[in-house]
Amino acid sequence: MTVRTGDYVWFEERFSNLADSYCLTLVHEVPPAELLHRLAGRAEPARTGINELVDAAHDFYASSNGMRTLFGMTSIGPWTLMVEPNGWHGVDEEKALPASVGTRWISHHDNSDANYDGSFLWIENSDRLLQFGLRDAGRRHGGRPDELLDVIHRLGFAFPEEPATADDLDGDPAVPAAFALAEHLTQVRLTPSRLADAAFSCGSAGIG
């Protein structure tokens, strides 16, 4: 089944409290406890559902004086989904590259700052294969920057001097296109219920 950008318009509509500043990461065959260890994280109380996780993450960030972020992890088949409200460890290459040994790591991040292009990151076994800004796919970096170029164009990512468009979407396609590209690379289809009802094991990690 062809992945479509329009399949993910629900994210910003249903979960605006998370979409304002989020990072989502899918890691293959690395269970949550192992992922927490790889990120040098500290275990925190579990949360149920994305709204509870978002509220806890913002409270946690404030109580740590902006020094640590809280994230939730849940299993989807052989994949671990890491959700970071107001966090970005998944696209921080200093953390992600060593944490991705022996696995596939797909992450995307955005926030509501109009001056920020967001970021998409694809790593295999500590090798950065593709990285680009969600709103500037013309500047791609990594070992295989052009392998997904046709898919990136089809999903509607913006290129320099070209408007961002997607055949099945009005408005900025950057975030739903990032979800769709992650699905293309993982075959994991995220749905509103998977986020709304997920049981998250949680951890925290320091910034910087």
Protein backbone atom coordinates (compact mmCIF):
# COMPACT_ATOMS: atom_id res chain seq x y z
CA MET A 1 0.00 0.00 0.00
CA THR A 2 1.35 3.41 -1.00
CA VAL A 3 2.06 5.72 1.90
CA ARG A 4 0.34 9.10 1.61
CA THR A 5 1.05 12.37 3.37
CA GLY A 6 -2.67 12.90 3.90
CA ASP A 7 -2.78 9.77 6.07
CA TYR A 8 -1.20 11.80 8.87
CA VAL A 9 -3.11 15.07 8.97
CA TRP A 10 -4.71 13.79 12.17
CA PHE A 11 -1.52 14.33 14.17
CA GLU A 12 -1.60 18.13 14.23
CA GLU A 13 -5.42 18.15 14.41
CA ARG A 14 -5.80 15.63 17.25
CA PHE A 15 -2.62 16.24 19.25
CA SER A 16 -1.81 19.93 18.89
CA ASN A 17 -0.37 19.95 22.42
CA LEU A 18 2.31 17.52 21.23
CA ALA A 19 2.67 18.77 17.65
CA ASP A 20 3.76 22.21 18.87
CA SER A 21 7.09 20.65 19.87
CA TYR A 22 7.74 16.95 19.39
CA CYS A 23 10.28 14.31 18.44
CA LEU A 24 9.18 10.80 17.37
CA THR A 25 11.70 8.01 16.94
CA LEU A 26 11.30 4.41 15.79
CA VAL A 27 14.09 1.98 16.73
CA HIS A 28 14.17 -1.58 15.42
CA GLU A 29 14.52 -4.54 17.79
CA VAL A 30 15.75 -2.45 20.71
CA PRO A 31 13.25 -2.78 23.60
CA PRO A 32 12.42 0.26 25.74
CA ALA A 33 14.68 -0.70 28.66
CA GLU A 34 17.64 -1.14 26.32
CA LEU A 35 16.89 2.12 24.53
CA LEU A 36 16.81 3.94 27.85
CA HIS A 37 20.22 2.45 28.69
CA ARG A 38 21.66 3.47 25.31
CA LEU A 39 20.55 7.05 25.90
CA ALA A 40 22.13 7.05 29.36
CA GLY A 41 18.68 7.80 30.71
CA ARG A 42 17.02 7.45 34.09
CA ALA A 43 13.80 5.48 34.58
CA GLU A 44 10.72 7.54 35.47
CA PRO A 45 7.12 6.59 36.39
CA ALA A 46 5.08 5.09 33.56
CA ARG A 47 2.30 7.07 31.87
CA THR A 48 -0.81 6.04 29.95
CA GLY A 49 -1.86 7.93 26.86
CA ILE A 50 -0.26 10.77 25.00
CA ASN A 51 -2.04 13.56 26.88
CA GLU A 52 -0.77 12.32 30.23
CA LEU A 53 2.73 12.00 28.79
CA VAL A 54 2.69 15.53 27.33
CA ASP A 55 1.50 17.09 30.59
CA ALA A 56 4.10 15.17 32.59
CA ALA A 57 6.88 16.10 30.17
CA HIS A 58 6.19 19.82 30.40
CA ASP A 59 5.97 19.68 34.21
CA PHE A 60 9.18 17.66 34.32
CA TYR A 61 11.07 20.11 32.10
CA ALA A 62 10.01 23.01 34.28
CA SER A 63 10.88 21.24 37.54
CA SER A 64 14.34 20.35 36.23
CA ASN A 65 14.97 23.99 35.28
CA GLY A 66 15.25 22.97 31.65
CA MET A 67 18.13 20.57 32.31
CA ARG A 68 16.33 17.26 31.57
CA THR A 69 13.52 16.07 29.32
CA LEU A 70 11.00 13.29 29.85
CA PHE A 71 10.12 10.83 27.10
CA GLY A 72 7.83 7.83 26.72
CA MET A 73 8.54 4.49 25.02
CA THR A 74 6.13 1.85 23.79
CA SER A 75 6.53 -1.30 21.70
CA ILE A 76 4.93 -1.72 18.27
CA GLY A 77 5.84 -5.20 17.08
CA PRO A 78 9.63 -5.35 16.77
CA TRP A 79 9.91 -1.57 16.99
CA THR A 80 10.14 0.79 19.94
CA LEU A 81 8.42 4.11 19.49
CA MET A 82 9.97 6.91 21.55
CA VAL A 83 7.82 10.02 21.98
CA GLU A 84 9.48 13.21 23.22
CA PRO A 85 7.18 16.13 24.03
CA ASN A 86 9.39 19.22 24.00
CA GLY A 87 12.47 17.05 23.37
CA TRP A 88 14.87 16.23 20.57
CA HIS A 89 17.20 13.40 21.66
CA GLY A 90 16.07 11.33 18.68
CA VAL A 91 17.54 13.75 16.14
CA ASP A 92 20.55 14.74 18.25
CA GLU A 93 23.28 12.92 16.33
CA GLU A 94 25.67 13.00 19.28
CA LYS A 95 23.18 10.80 21.12
CA ALA A 96 21.47 8.99 18.25
CA LEU A 97 24.52 7.75 16.35
CA PRO A 98 26.08 5.78 19.24
CA ALA A 99 22.63 4.64 20.43
CA SER A 100 21.84 3.16 17.01
CA VAL A 101 24.49 0.42 17.00
CA GLY A 102 23.07 -2.68 15.33
CA THR A 103 19.69 -1.18 14.53
CA ARG A 104 17.66 1.05 12.20
CA TRP A 105 16.84 4.45 13.71
CA ILE A 106 14.23 6.75 12.15
CA SER A 107 13.45 10.07 13.82
CA HIS A 108 11.74 13.37 13.05
CA HIS A 109 11.37 16.53 15.08
CA ASP A 110 9.55 19.82 14.76
CA ASN A 111 8.42 22.75 16.88
CA SER A 112 6.26 25.80 16.39
CA ASP A 113 9.17 28.19 15.88
CA ALA A 114 8.60 29.60 12.40
CA ASN A 115 12.37 29.98 11.92
CA TYR A 116 13.02 26.26 12.43
CA ASP A 117 12.85 23.82 9.54
CA GLY A 118 12.45 20.69 11.67
CA SER A 119 14.60 17.64 11.02
CA PHE A 120 14.37 14.10 9.64
CA LEU A 121 17.08 11.54 10.44
CA TRP A 122 17.69 8.00 9.13
CA ILE A 123 20.53 5.99 10.70
CA GLU A 124 21.61 2.38 10.19
CA ASN A 125 24.09 0.92 12.68
CA SER A 126 25.57 4.31 13.64
CA ASP A 127 25.85 5.37 9.97
CA ARG A 128 23.90 8.51 9.13
CA LEU A 129 22.28 7.75 5.78
CA LEU A 130 19.95 10.73 5.46
CA GLN A 131 19.32 13.99 7.28
CA PHE A 132 17.40 17.01 6.05
CA GLY A 133 15.19 19.85 7.23
CA LEU A 134 11.47 19.12 7.00
CA ARG A 135 11.00 22.39 5.12
CA ASP A 136 14.19 22.28 3.06
CA ALA A 137 14.66 18.88 1.46
CA GLY A 138 17.05 20.36 -1.06
CA ARG A 139 19.90 20.23 1.44
CA ARG A 140 20.24 16.55 2.26
CA HIS A 141 23.18 15.02 4.08
CA GLY A 142 24.39 11.51 4.82
CA GLY A 143 25.73 8.43 3.11
CA ARG A 144 22.67 7.86 0.87
CA PRO A 145 21.12 11.31 0.44
CA ASP A 146 19.38 10.63 -2.87
CA GLU A 147 18.08 7.09 -2.32
CA LEU A 148 14.62 8.31 -1.28
CA LEU A 149 14.51 11.41 -3.47
CA ASP A 150 11.51 10.25 -5.52
CA VAL A 151 9.59 9.43 -2.33
CA ILE A 152 10.53 12.76 -0.75
CA HIS A 153 9.23 14.60 -3.82
CA ARG A 154 6.03 12.54 -3.93
CA LEU A 155 5.27 13.19 -0.26
CA GLY A 156 5.45 16.94 -0.84
CA PHE A 157 8.49 18.12 1.12
CA ALA A 158 9.64 21.63 0.25
CA PHE A 159 12.69 22.26 -1.96
CA PRO A 160 14.44 25.61 -2.47
CA GLU A 161 12.39 27.89 -4.73
CA GLU A 162 9.64 25.27 -4.96
CA PRO A 163 6.44 25.52 -2.90
CA ALA A 164 5.76 22.67 -0.52
CA THR A 165 2.87 20.68 -1.96
CA ALA A 166 1.21 17.31 -1.51
CA ASP A 167 -1.55 16.09 -3.81
CA ASP A 168 -3.74 15.03 -0.90
CA LEU A 169 -3.11 17.89 1.54
CA ASP A 170 -3.76 21.62 1.90
CA GLY A 171 -1.34 23.72 3.94
CA ASP A 172 2.16 22.91 5.21
CA PRO A 173 2.87 19.21 4.55
CA ALA A 174 6.14 19.06 6.51
CA VAL A 175 4.99 17.16 9.61
CA PRO A 176 2.53 14.71 7.98
CA ALA A 177 5.12 14.07 5.27
CA ALA A 178 7.70 13.22 7.95
CA PHE A 179 5.28 10.69 9.47
CA ALA A 180 4.68 9.21 6.02
CA LEU A 181 8.41 8.95 5.24
CA ALA A 182 9.00 7.25 8.58
CA GLU A 183 6.29 4.74 7.70
CA HIS A 184 7.91 4.16 4.31
CA LEU A 185 11.17 3.24 6.06
CA THR A 186 9.71 1.15 8.89
CA GLN A 187 6.34 -0.17 7.65
CA VAL A 188 4.93 1.04 10.97
CA ARG A 189 1.66 2.92 10.55
CA LEU A 190 0.93 5.17 13.49
CA THR A 191 -2.73 5.88 14.24
CA PRO A 192 -4.48 8.26 16.64
CA SER A 193 -5.47 5.40 18.93
CA ARG A 194 -1.91 4.11 19.13
CA LEU A 195 -0.84 7.43 20.62
CA ALA A 196 -3.99 8.21 22.59
CA ASP A 197 -4.11 4.87 24.40
CA ALA A 198 -0.46 3.76 24.55
CA ALA A 199 1.12 2.54 27.75
CA PHE A 200 4.43 4.36 27.96
CA SER A 201 7.42 3.29 29.99
CA CYS A 202 9.19 6.54 30.69
CA GLY A 203 12.67 7.87 31.11
CA SER A 204 14.53 11.13 31.27
CA ALA A 205 17.85 12.31 29.95
CA GLY A 206 19.96 15.40 30.33
CA ILE A 207 20.16 18.07 27.68
CA GLY A 208 23.53 18.64 26.11
